[in-house]
C-alpha cells in the first residue's frame, strides 16, 4: 500500500518505491545482459562456440555513414563479457548507398583470436571489450599492427 503525503504546493506525493517495468527496470549488479539470440550466428573458434551478431537496422549515425559497422560476439554457453568489434566498413543499410563490404566468418574468427590474445575474457562478467579493425595493414601501408586489428 502506498501512502500519499501532502506537499507544500498542494500536490500529493507518494511514499514508497517507484516500480519500473520492462526496459526501464534497473538490472541488479552481477546480472549479465546477454546478446540477443534472434539474428545471431554461431561460430566455432579453437573448439569454443561463440555467437556473433550485426545490428540489422543501422543507428542514425551509421545510416548517415558517420559511424562504421560494428558487431558483437559472446560465448554461446556462458554469457559473460561481450566483445564489440568496430570495423572500418559502412553499414549495408546506410541511406546514401555508400559502398560496403560484408563481414565474413573469417573476419569474426580473426577478431576473436586477436581479442583473446589481448586479454578478452568471455567467461567473466564485466564491461564490454572493445576492438577496432583497421584496414591500413590490409591495403599495404600505415603503421597498424600486422594482423590488421587494434584494441
C-alpha atoms as a PDB file:
ATOM      1  CA  UNK A   1       0.000   0.000   0.000  1.00  0.00           C
ATOM      2  CA  UNK A   2       1.332   3.419  -0.949  1.00  0.00           C
ATOM      3  CA  UNK A   3       0.574   6.321   1.374  1.00  0.00           C
ATOM      4  CA  UNK A   4       0.185   9.791  -0.107  1.00  0.00           C
ATOM      5  CA  UNK A   5       1.505  12.848   1.677  1.00  0.00           C
ATOM      6  CA  UNK A   6       0.505  16.439   1.091  1.00  0.00           C
ATOM      7  CA  UNK A   7       3.321  18.622  -0.146  1.00  0.00           C
ATOM      8  CA  UNK A   8       3.734  22.354   0.340  1.00  0.00           C
ATOM      9  CA  UNK A   9       2.398  23.094  -3.162  1.00  0.00           C
ATOM     10  CA  UNK A  10      -0.762  21.024  -2.801  1.00  0.00           C
ATOM     11  CA  UNK A  11       0.379  18.031  -4.845  1.00  0.00           C
ATOM     12  CA  UNK A  12       0.114  14.533  -3.479  1.00  0.00           C
ATOM     13  CA  UNK A  13       3.483  12.848  -3.208  1.00  0.00           C
ATOM     14  CA  UNK A  14       3.541   9.080  -2.905  1.00  0.00           C
ATOM     15  CA  UNK A  15       5.817   7.462  -0.356  1.00  0.00           C
ATOM     16  CA  UNK A  16       7.301   4.134  -1.237  1.00  0.00           C
ATOM     17  CA  UNK A  17       9.284   2.657  -4.046  1.00  0.00           C
ATOM     18  CA  UNK A  18       8.751   3.603  -7.639  1.00  0.00           C
ATOM     19  CA  UNK A  19       8.175   0.465  -9.644  1.00  0.00           C
ATOM     20  CA  UNK A  20       9.559   0.398 -13.127  1.00  0.00           C
ATOM     21  CA  UNK A  21       8.604  -2.226 -15.626  1.00  0.00           C
ATOM     22  CA  UNK A  22      10.129  -3.617 -18.782  1.00  0.00           C
ATOM     23  CA  UNK A  23      13.233  -1.996 -20.177  1.00  0.00           C
ATOM     24  CA  UNK A  24      13.240   0.753 -17.541  1.00  0.00           C
ATOM     25  CA  UNK A  25      13.836  -1.684 -14.698  1.00  0.00           C
ATOM     26  CA  UNK A  26      17.346  -1.467 -13.255  1.00  0.00           C
ATOM     27  CA  UNK A  27      19.490  -4.561 -13.619  1.00  0.00           C
ATOM     28  CA  UNK A  28      20.886  -5.880 -10.331  1.00  0.00           C
ATOM     29  CA  UNK A  29      24.684  -5.725 -10.067  1.00  0.00           C
ATOM     30  CA  UNK A  30      26.057  -9.054 -11.159  1.00  0.00           C
ATOM     31  CA  UNK A  31      23.230  -9.840 -13.560  1.00  0.00           C
ATOM     32  CA  UNK A  32      24.544 -10.296 -17.074  1.00  0.00           C
ATOM     33  CA  UNK A  33      22.873  -8.787 -20.106  1.00  0.00           C
ATOM     34  CA  UNK A  34      23.285 -11.277 -22.932  1.00  0.00           C
ATOM     35  CA  UNK A  35      23.446 -10.894 -26.688  1.00  0.00           C
ATOM     36  CA  UNK A  36      20.077 -11.230 -28.392  1.00  0.00           C
ATOM     37  CA  UNK A  37      19.775 -14.752 -29.799  1.00  0.00           C
ATOM     38  CA  UNK A  38      17.472 -13.771 -32.635  1.00  0.00           C
ATOM     39  CA  UNK A  39      19.558 -12.926 -35.674  1.00  0.00           C
ATOM     40  CA  UNK A  40      22.819 -14.142 -34.183  1.00  0.00           C
ATOM     41  CA  UNK A  41      25.078 -16.676 -35.873  1.00  0.00           C
ATOM     42  CA  UNK A  42      27.122 -19.425 -34.289  1.00  0.00           C
ATOM     43  CA  UNK A  43      30.818 -19.797 -34.955  1.00  0.00           C
ATOM     44  CA  UNK A  44      33.381 -22.230 -33.514  1.00  0.00           C
ATOM     45  CA  UNK A  45      36.891 -20.915 -32.844  1.00  0.00           C
ATOM     46  CA  UNK A  46      39.518 -23.302 -31.458  1.00  0.00           C
ATOM     47  CA  UNK A  47      36.827 -25.662 -30.143  1.00  0.00           C
ATOM     48  CA  UNK A  48      34.778 -22.965 -28.369  1.00  0.00           C
ATOM     49  CA  UNK A  49      31.344 -21.964 -29.662  1.00  0.00           C
ATOM     50  CA  UNK A  50      30.566 -18.245 -29.875  1.00  0.00           C
ATOM     51  CA  UNK A  51      27.590 -16.254 -31.128  1.00  0.00           C
ATOM     52  CA  UNK A  52      28.021 -13.084 -33.157  1.00  0.00           C
ATOM     53  CA  UNK A  53      25.532 -10.547 -34.403  1.00  0.00           C
ATOM     54  CA  UNK A  54      25.402  -7.454 -36.559  1.00  0.00           C
ATOM     55  CA  UNK A  55      22.643  -4.973 -35.859  1.00  0.00           C
ATOM     56  CA  UNK A  56      20.138  -5.344 -38.701  1.00  0.00           C
ATOM     57  CA  UNK A  57      18.840  -1.787 -38.538  1.00  0.00           C
ATOM     58  CA  UNK A  58      21.606   0.822 -38.579  1.00  0.00           C
ATOM     59  CA  UNK A  59      21.789   3.515 -35.946  1.00  0.00           C
ATOM     60  CA  UNK A  60      21.171   7.076 -37.118  1.00  0.00           C
ATOM     61  CA  UNK A  61      24.906   7.776 -37.316  1.00  0.00           C
ATOM     62  CA  UNK A  62      25.573   4.508 -39.169  1.00  0.00           C
ATOM     63  CA  UNK A  63      22.754   5.257 -41.623  1.00  0.00           C
ATOM     64  CA  UNK A  64      24.370   8.616 -42.427  1.00  0.00           C
ATOM     65  CA  UNK A  65      27.781   6.996 -42.843  1.00  0.00           C
ATOM     66  CA  UNK A  66      29.278   8.819 -39.861  1.00  0.00           C
ATOM     67  CA  UNK A  67      29.915   5.739 -37.713  1.00  0.00           C
ATOM     68  CA  UNK A  68      31.212   2.414 -39.004  1.00  0.00           C
ATOM     69  CA  UNK A  69      29.653  -1.021 -38.813  1.00  0.00           C
ATOM     70  CA  UNK A  70      30.061  -2.850 -35.501  1.00  0.00           C
ATOM     71  CA  UNK A  71      29.342  -6.400 -34.470  1.00  0.00           C
ATOM     72  CA  UNK A  72      29.142  -8.128 -31.106  1.00  0.00           C
ATOM     73  CA  UNK A  73      30.464 -11.526 -30.039  1.00  0.00           C
ATOM     74  CA  UNK A  74      29.881 -13.574 -26.880  1.00  0.00           C
ATOM     75  CA  UNK A  75      30.387 -17.124 -25.676  1.00  0.00           C
ATOM     76  CA  UNK A  76      27.396 -19.270 -26.666  1.00  0.00           C
ATOM     77  CA  UNK A  77      27.282 -21.367 -23.495  1.00  0.00           C
ATOM     78  CA  UNK A  78      28.210 -18.973 -20.683  1.00  0.00           C
ATOM     79  CA  UNK A  79      27.301 -15.328 -21.308  1.00  0.00           C
ATOM     80  CA  UNK A  80      29.927 -13.017 -19.865  1.00  0.00           C
ATOM     81  CA  UNK A  81      31.850 -10.064 -21.217  1.00  0.00           C
ATOM     82  CA  UNK A  82      30.802  -9.181 -24.749  1.00  0.00           C
ATOM     83  CA  UNK A  83      33.282  -8.329 -27.463  1.00  0.00           C
ATOM     84  CA  UNK A  84      32.333  -5.275 -29.522  1.00  0.00           C
ATOM     85  CA  UNK A  85      34.246  -5.047 -32.787  1.00  0.00           C
ATOM     86  CA  UNK A  86      34.296  -1.756 -34.678  1.00  0.00           C
ATOM     87  CA  UNK A  87      35.089  -2.224 -38.352  1.00  0.00           C
ATOM     88  CA  UNK A  88      36.190   0.238 -40.996  1.00  0.00           C
ATOM     89  CA  UNK A  89      33.163  -0.577 -43.185  1.00  0.00           C
ATOM     90  CA  UNK A  90      29.906   1.257 -43.625  1.00  0.00           C
ATOM     91  CA  UNK A  91      26.645  -0.397 -42.578  1.00  0.00           C
ATOM     92  CA  UNK A  92      24.849  -2.053 -45.524  1.00  0.00           C
ATOM     93  CA  UNK A  93      21.640  -0.248 -44.532  1.00  0.00           C
ATOM     94  CA  UNK A  94      23.100   3.247 -44.934  1.00  0.00           C
ATOM     95  CA  UNK A  95      20.778   5.794 -46.541  1.00  0.00           C
ATOM     96  CA  UNK A  96      23.149   7.050 -49.220  1.00  0.00           C
ATOM     97  CA  UNK A  97      24.157   3.807 -50.887  1.00  0.00           C
ATOM     98  CA  UNK A  98      27.754   4.130 -49.716  1.00  0.00           C
ATOM     99  CA  UNK A  99      29.902   1.157 -50.743  1.00  0.00           C
ATOM    100  CA  UNK A 100      30.174  -1.557 -48.117  1.00  0.00           C
ATOM    101  CA  UNK A 101      31.877  -4.876 -47.692  1.00  0.00           C
ATOM    102  CA  UNK A 102      30.311  -7.816 -45.808  1.00  0.00           C
ATOM    103  CA  UNK A 103      31.712  -9.159 -42.557  1.00  0.00           C
ATOM    104  CA  UNK A 104      32.800 -12.706 -43.275  1.00  0.00           C
ATOM    105  CA  UNK A 105      33.114 -15.503 -40.711  1.00  0.00           C
ATOM    106  CA  UNK A 106      36.887 -15.388 -41.290  1.00  0.00           C
ATOM    107  CA  UNK A 107      36.842 -11.747 -40.110  1.00  0.00           C
ATOM    108  CA  UNK A 108      34.970 -12.772 -36.963  1.00  0.00           C
ATOM    109  CA  UNK A 109      37.430 -15.600 -36.255  1.00  0.00           C
ATOM    110  CA  UNK A 110      40.365 -13.206 -36.649  1.00  0.00           C
ATOM    111  CA  UNK A 111      38.720 -10.661 -34.331  1.00  0.00           C
ATOM    112  CA  UNK A 112      38.001 -13.298 -31.666  1.00  0.00           C
ATOM    113  CA  UNK A 113      41.560 -14.644 -31.718  1.00  0.00           C
ATOM    114  CA  UNK A 114      43.032 -11.151 -31.537  1.00  0.00           C
ATOM    115  CA  UNK A 115      40.729 -10.159 -28.667  1.00  0.00           C
ATOM    116  CA  UNK A 116      41.610 -13.309 -26.720  1.00  0.00           C
ATOM    117  CA  UNK A 117      45.311 -12.576 -27.238  1.00  0.00           C
ATOM    118  CA  UNK A 118      44.783  -9.018 -25.966  1.00  0.00           C
ATOM    119  CA  UNK A 119      43.029 -10.040 -22.769  1.00  0.00           C
ATOM    120  CA  UNK A 120      39.332 -10.550 -23.549  1.00  0.00           C
ATOM    121  CA  UNK A 121      37.840 -12.990 -21.044  1.00  0.00           C
ATOM    122  CA  UNK A 122      34.438 -14.078 -22.379  1.00  0.00           C
ATOM    123  CA  UNK A 123      33.562 -16.136 -19.269  1.00  0.00           C
ATOM    124  CA  UNK A 124      33.872 -13.342 -16.706  1.00  0.00           C
ATOM    125  CA  UNK A 125      31.152 -10.702 -16.494  1.00  0.00           C
ATOM    126  CA  UNK A 126      32.170  -7.099 -16.922  1.00  0.00           C
ATOM    127  CA  UNK A 127      32.110  -4.169 -19.274  1.00  0.00           C
ATOM    128  CA  UNK A 128      32.276  -4.922 -23.000  1.00  0.00           C
ATOM    129  CA  UNK A 129      35.728  -5.407 -24.511  1.00  0.00           C
ATOM    130  CA  UNK A 130      36.206  -3.077 -27.483  1.00  0.00           C
ATOM    131  CA  UNK A 131      38.326  -3.965 -30.501  1.00  0.00           C
ATOM    132  CA  UNK A 132      38.866  -1.880 -33.617  1.00  0.00           C
ATOM    133  CA  UNK A 133      39.656  -3.306 -37.039  1.00  0.00           C
ATOM    134  CA  UNK A 134      41.834  -1.110 -39.240  1.00  0.00           C
ATOM    135  CA  UNK A 135      42.366  -1.541 -42.952  1.00  0.00           C
ATOM    136  CA  UNK A 136      45.788   0.164 -43.149  1.00  0.00           C
ATOM    137  CA  UNK A 137      47.712  -3.100 -42.969  1.00  0.00           C
ATOM    138  CA  UNK A 138      45.322  -4.863 -45.359  1.00  0.00           C
ATOM    139  CA  UNK A 139      45.941  -2.241 -48.034  1.00  0.00           C
ATOM    140  CA  UNK A 140      49.691  -2.449 -47.527  1.00  0.00           C
ATOM    141  CA  UNK A 141      50.588   0.773 -45.762  1.00  0.00           C
ATOM    142  CA  UNK A 142      50.374   2.602 -42.481  1.00  0.00           C
ATOM    143  CA  UNK A 143      51.655   1.788 -39.045  1.00  0.00           C
ATOM    144  CA  UNK A 144      48.883  -0.544 -37.921  1.00  0.00           C
ATOM    145  CA  UNK A 145      49.668  -3.964 -36.436  1.00  0.00           C
ATOM    146  CA  UNK A 146      50.415  -6.756 -38.885  1.00  0.00           C
ATOM    147  CA  UNK A 147      47.136  -8.575 -38.176  1.00  0.00           C
ATOM    148  CA  UNK A 148      45.026  -5.547 -39.155  1.00  0.00           C
ATOM    149  CA  UNK A 149      43.393  -5.228 -35.751  1.00  0.00           C
ATOM    150  CA  UNK A 150      43.901  -2.833 -32.903  1.00  0.00           C
ATOM    151  CA  UNK A 151      42.451  -2.678 -29.415  1.00  0.00           C
END
